[in-house]
């Protein structure tokens, strides 16, 4: 149940980030890197860790390149949760 809550929270945060992200900064060839994931806090004596879920680069032309597999060497198997998959948020609006 807690894992599902973390995924739902991530999806909501990701959608909000996509909606408010702007490329209105820097030079004409500036790029924006976006790394999202879930921070997992563990009880002592274990270390907490960050579980990356997405990693992408965007340019001012509206192009996006997924860097997840290239960076982490694995294919992400994370799927958006059912509760956020159908939200009416246009994630490309900020591009």
N, C-alpha and C. Protein backbone atom coordinates (compact mmCIF):
# COMPACT_ATOMS: atom_id res chain seq x y z
N UNK A 1 0.82 -1.20 0.00
CA UNK A 1 0.00 0.00 0.00
C UNK A 1 0.87 1.26 0.00
N UNK A 2 1.95 1.27 0.78
CA UNK A 2 2.81 2.44 0.83
C UNK A 2 3.53 2.65 -0.50
N UNK A 3 3.90 1.55 -1.17
CA UNK A 3 4.55 1.68 -2.47
C UNK A 3 3.59 2.32 -3.48
N UNK A 4 2.34 1.94 -3.45
CA UNK A 4 1.35 2.53 -4.36
C UNK A 4 1.17 4.02 -4.05
N UNK A 5 1.16 4.38 -2.78
CA UNK A 5 1.03 5.80 -2.40
C UNK A 5 2.22 6.59 -2.92
N UNK A 6 3.42 6.02 -2.86
CA UNK A 6 4.61 6.70 -3.36
C UNK A 6 4.52 6.88 -4.88
N UNK A 7 4.05 5.87 -5.60
CA UNK A 7 3.92 5.98 -7.05
C UNK A 7 2.87 7.01 -7.44
N UNK A 8 1.75 7.02 -6.74
CA UNK A 8 0.70 8.00 -7.03
C UNK A 8 1.24 9.41 -6.77
N UNK A 9 1.92 9.59 -5.65
CA UNK A 9 2.50 10.89 -5.33
C UNK A 9 3.50 11.31 -6.39
N UNK A 10 4.34 10.39 -6.85
CA UNK A 10 5.30 10.70 -7.91
C UNK A 10 4.59 11.14 -9.18
N UNK A 11 3.57 10.40 -9.59
CA UNK A 11 2.85 10.72 -10.82
C UNK A 11 2.22 12.11 -10.74
N UNK A 12 1.64 12.43 -9.61
CA UNK A 12 1.04 13.75 -9.43
C UNK A 12 2.11 14.83 -9.52
N UNK A 13 3.23 14.62 -8.83
CA UNK A 13 4.33 15.58 -8.86
C UNK A 13 4.92 15.74 -10.25
N UNK A 14 5.09 14.64 -10.97
CA UNK A 14 5.62 14.67 -12.34
C UNK A 14 4.69 15.46 -13.25
N UNK A 15 3.38 15.22 -13.15
CA UNK A 15 2.42 15.94 -13.99
C UNK A 15 2.43 17.43 -13.68
N UNK A 16 2.54 17.77 -12.40
CA UNK A 16 2.61 19.18 -12.02
C UNK A 16 3.91 19.81 -12.54
N UNK A 17 5.02 19.09 -12.45
CA UNK A 17 6.29 19.58 -12.96
C UNK A 17 6.22 19.82 -14.45
N UNK A 18 5.64 18.89 -15.19
CA UNK A 18 5.50 19.05 -16.64
C UNK A 18 4.64 20.25 -16.99
N UNK A 19 3.63 20.51 -16.18
CA UNK A 19 2.72 21.61 -16.46
C UNK A 19 3.38 22.97 -16.20
N UNK A 20 4.26 23.05 -15.22
CA UNK A 20 4.84 24.35 -14.86
C UNK A 20 6.25 24.57 -15.39
N UNK A 21 6.86 23.56 -16.01
CA UNK A 21 8.21 23.70 -16.54
C UNK A 21 8.20 24.60 -17.77
N UNK A 22 9.15 25.51 -17.80
CA UNK A 22 9.26 26.43 -18.93
C UNK A 22 10.68 26.38 -19.49
N UNK A 23 10.79 26.66 -20.75
CA UNK A 23 12.11 26.74 -21.38
C UNK A 23 12.49 28.20 -21.60
N UNK A 24 11.82 29.10 -20.90
CA UNK A 24 12.05 30.54 -21.03
C UNK A 24 13.22 30.96 -20.13
N UNK A 25 14.42 30.51 -20.46
CA UNK A 25 15.61 30.86 -19.70
C UNK A 25 16.83 30.68 -20.59
N UNK A 26 17.93 31.31 -20.21
CA UNK A 26 19.22 31.09 -20.86
C UNK A 26 19.26 31.45 -22.33
N UNK A 27 20.27 30.90 -23.00
CA UNK A 27 20.50 31.15 -24.42
C UNK A 27 19.57 30.31 -25.28
N UNK A 28 19.59 30.57 -26.60
CA UNK A 28 18.69 29.86 -27.51
C UNK A 28 18.98 28.37 -27.58
N UNK A 29 20.19 27.95 -27.23
CA UNK A 29 20.53 26.53 -27.27
C UNK A 29 20.55 25.89 -25.88
N UNK A 30 19.97 26.57 -24.88
CA UNK A 30 19.92 26.02 -23.52
C UNK A 30 19.05 24.76 -23.49
N UNK A 31 19.40 23.85 -22.59
CA UNK A 31 18.63 22.62 -22.42
C UNK A 31 18.27 22.45 -20.95
N UNK A 32 17.27 21.66 -20.69
CA UNK A 32 16.80 21.40 -19.34
C UNK A 32 16.83 19.90 -19.09
N UNK A 33 17.50 19.49 -18.02
CA UNK A 33 17.51 18.08 -17.60
C UNK A 33 16.50 17.90 -16.48
N UNK A 34 15.67 16.88 -16.60
CA UNK A 34 14.68 16.57 -15.57
C UNK A 34 14.89 15.15 -15.08
N UNK A 35 15.14 15.02 -13.79
CA UNK A 35 15.29 13.72 -13.14
C UNK A 35 14.20 13.61 -12.08
N UNK A 36 13.36 12.60 -12.19
CA UNK A 36 12.32 12.40 -11.18
C UNK A 36 12.46 11.01 -10.58
N UNK A 37 11.92 10.84 -9.41
CA UNK A 37 11.97 9.55 -8.75
C UNK A 37 11.35 9.60 -7.37
N UNK A 38 11.64 8.58 -6.61
CA UNK A 38 11.08 8.46 -5.27
C UNK A 38 12.23 8.31 -4.27
N UNK A 39 12.23 9.16 -3.25
CA UNK A 39 13.20 9.04 -2.16
C UNK A 39 12.67 7.99 -1.18
N UNK A 40 13.48 6.99 -0.92
CA UNK A 40 13.07 5.91 -0.02
C UNK A 40 13.88 6.03 1.26
N UNK A 41 13.21 6.41 2.34
CA UNK A 41 13.86 6.55 3.64
C UNK A 41 13.72 5.23 4.40
N UNK A 42 14.84 4.74 4.90
CA UNK A 42 14.88 3.46 5.59
C UNK A 42 15.21 3.67 7.06
N UNK A 43 14.77 2.76 7.92
CA UNK A 43 15.13 2.88 9.34
C UNK A 43 16.60 2.53 9.55
N UNK A 44 17.18 3.04 10.60
CA UNK A 44 18.57 2.71 10.94
C UNK A 44 18.65 1.23 11.24
N UNK A 45 19.65 0.53 10.85
CA UNK A 45 20.96 0.95 10.36
C UNK A 45 21.04 1.00 8.83
N UNK A 46 19.92 0.90 8.12
CA UNK A 46 19.93 0.88 6.67
C UNK A 46 20.05 2.29 6.11
N UNK A 47 20.66 2.40 4.93
CA UNK A 47 20.75 3.68 4.24
C UNK A 47 19.51 3.89 3.39
N UNK A 48 19.06 5.13 3.31
CA UNK A 48 17.99 5.47 2.40
C UNK A 48 18.56 5.54 0.99
N UNK A 49 17.69 5.57 0.00
CA UNK A 49 18.18 5.70 -1.37
C UNK A 49 17.12 6.34 -2.25
N UNK A 50 17.56 6.76 -3.42
CA UNK A 50 16.70 7.41 -4.40
C UNK A 50 16.44 6.44 -5.53
N UNK A 51 15.18 6.20 -5.83
CA UNK A 51 14.79 5.33 -6.94
C UNK A 51 14.41 6.21 -8.13
N UNK A 52 15.32 6.34 -9.11
CA UNK A 52 14.97 7.17 -10.28
C UNK A 52 13.85 6.52 -11.09
N UNK A 53 12.97 7.35 -11.61
CA UNK A 53 11.87 6.86 -12.42
C UNK A 53 11.92 7.44 -13.83
N UNK A 54 12.38 8.67 -13.96
CA UNK A 54 12.54 9.24 -15.30
C UNK A 54 13.74 10.18 -15.33
N UNK A 55 14.35 10.26 -16.50
CA UNK A 55 15.49 11.15 -16.72
C UNK A 55 15.45 11.56 -18.18
N UNK A 56 15.26 12.85 -18.41
CA UNK A 56 15.13 13.32 -19.78
C UNK A 56 15.76 14.69 -19.96
N UNK A 57 16.06 15.02 -21.20
CA UNK A 57 16.60 16.32 -21.56
C UNK A 57 15.65 16.95 -22.56
N UNK A 58 15.39 18.25 -22.37
CA UNK A 58 14.49 18.98 -23.27
C UNK A 58 15.22 20.18 -23.85
N UNK A 59 14.87 20.52 -25.08
CA UNK A 59 15.46 21.72 -25.67
C UNK A 59 14.36 22.72 -25.98
N UNK A 60 14.77 23.90 -26.45
CA UNK A 60 13.81 24.98 -26.70
C UNK A 60 12.94 24.74 -27.93
N UNK A 61 13.28 23.75 -28.74
CA UNK A 61 12.45 23.40 -29.89
C UNK A 61 11.32 22.47 -29.52
N UNK A 62 11.22 22.12 -28.24
CA UNK A 62 10.16 21.23 -27.78
C UNK A 62 10.52 19.76 -27.89
N UNK A 63 11.74 19.46 -28.27
CA UNK A 63 12.16 18.06 -28.38
C UNK A 63 12.57 17.53 -27.01
N UNK A 64 12.25 16.27 -26.75
CA UNK A 64 12.60 15.62 -25.51
C UNK A 64 13.31 14.32 -25.85
N UNK A 65 14.40 14.03 -25.13
CA UNK A 65 15.12 12.76 -25.30
C UNK A 65 15.17 12.05 -23.96
N UNK A 66 14.75 10.79 -23.95
CA UNK A 66 14.77 9.97 -22.73
C UNK A 66 16.19 9.46 -22.51
N UNK A 67 16.78 9.79 -21.37
CA UNK A 67 18.14 9.39 -21.04
C UNK A 67 18.20 8.25 -20.02
N UNK A 68 17.05 7.70 -19.65
CA UNK A 68 17.00 6.74 -18.55
C UNK A 68 17.88 5.51 -18.82
N UNK A 69 17.64 4.82 -19.92
CA UNK A 69 18.38 3.59 -20.20
C UNK A 69 19.87 3.88 -20.42
N UNK A 70 20.16 4.95 -21.14
CA UNK A 70 21.55 5.33 -21.40
C UNK A 70 22.30 5.64 -20.11
N UNK A 71 21.63 6.24 -19.15
CA UNK A 71 22.27 6.65 -17.89
C UNK A 71 22.34 5.52 -16.88
N UNK A 72 21.24 4.81 -16.71
CA UNK A 72 21.16 3.80 -15.65
C UNK A 72 21.38 2.38 -16.15
N UNK A 73 21.43 2.19 -17.47
CA UNK A 73 21.74 0.89 -18.03
C UNK A 73 20.64 -0.15 -17.91
N UNK A 74 19.46 0.29 -17.55
CA UNK A 74 18.33 -0.63 -17.43
C UNK A 74 17.11 0.00 -18.08
N UNK A 75 16.17 -0.84 -18.44
CA UNK A 75 14.90 -0.34 -18.94
C UNK A 75 13.98 -0.17 -17.76
N UNK A 76 13.39 1.00 -17.68
CA UNK A 76 12.48 1.24 -16.56
C UNK A 76 11.21 0.42 -16.75
N UNK A 77 10.75 -0.18 -15.68
CA UNK A 77 9.52 -0.96 -15.75
C UNK A 77 8.40 -0.28 -14.99
N UNK A 78 8.62 0.95 -14.60
CA UNK A 78 7.62 1.71 -13.87
C UNK A 78 6.48 2.09 -14.80
N UNK A 79 5.27 1.85 -14.38
CA UNK A 79 4.09 2.24 -15.14
C UNK A 79 3.30 3.25 -14.32
N UNK A 80 2.76 4.28 -14.96
CA UNK A 80 1.93 5.23 -14.21
C UNK A 80 0.80 4.51 -13.51
N UNK A 81 0.46 4.98 -12.35
CA UNK A 81 -0.61 4.35 -11.59
C UNK A 81 -1.96 4.65 -12.24
N UNK A 82 -2.91 3.76 -12.03
CA UNK A 82 -4.22 3.92 -12.64
C UNK A 82 -4.87 5.23 -12.22
N UNK A 83 -4.64 5.65 -10.98
CA UNK A 83 -5.31 6.84 -10.49
C UNK A 83 -4.81 8.12 -11.14
N UNK A 84 -3.59 8.13 -11.69
CA UNK A 84 -3.09 9.34 -12.33
C UNK A 84 -3.01 9.22 -13.84
N UNK A 85 -3.15 8.04 -14.37
CA UNK A 85 -3.01 7.82 -15.80
C UNK A 85 -4.06 8.59 -16.60
N UNK A 86 -5.22 8.84 -15.99
CA UNK A 86 -6.32 9.44 -16.72
C UNK A 86 -6.56 10.90 -16.35
N UNK A 87 -5.63 11.52 -15.65
CA UNK A 87 -5.77 12.93 -15.32
C UNK A 87 -5.75 13.76 -16.60
N UNK A 88 -6.50 14.81 -16.63
CA UNK A 88 -6.58 15.68 -17.81
C UNK A 88 -5.51 16.77 -17.72
N UNK A 89 -4.24 16.36 -17.71
CA UNK A 89 -3.13 17.31 -17.67
C UNK A 89 -2.33 17.13 -18.94
N UNK A 90 -2.13 18.22 -19.66
CA UNK A 90 -1.36 18.17 -20.89
C UNK A 90 0.11 18.31 -20.53
N UNK A 91 0.86 17.20 -20.55
CA UNK A 91 2.25 17.22 -20.14
C UNK A 91 3.16 17.89 -21.15
N UNK A 92 2.68 18.17 -22.34
CA UNK A 92 3.51 18.85 -23.34
C UNK A 92 3.24 20.35 -23.37
N UNK A 93 2.34 20.81 -22.53
CA UNK A 93 1.96 22.22 -22.54
C UNK A 93 3.15 23.14 -22.29
N UNK A 94 4.08 22.74 -21.43
CA UNK A 94 5.23 23.59 -21.08
C UNK A 94 6.26 23.64 -22.19
N UNK A 95 6.21 22.71 -23.15
CA UNK A 95 7.19 22.72 -24.23
C UNK A 95 6.86 23.84 -25.17
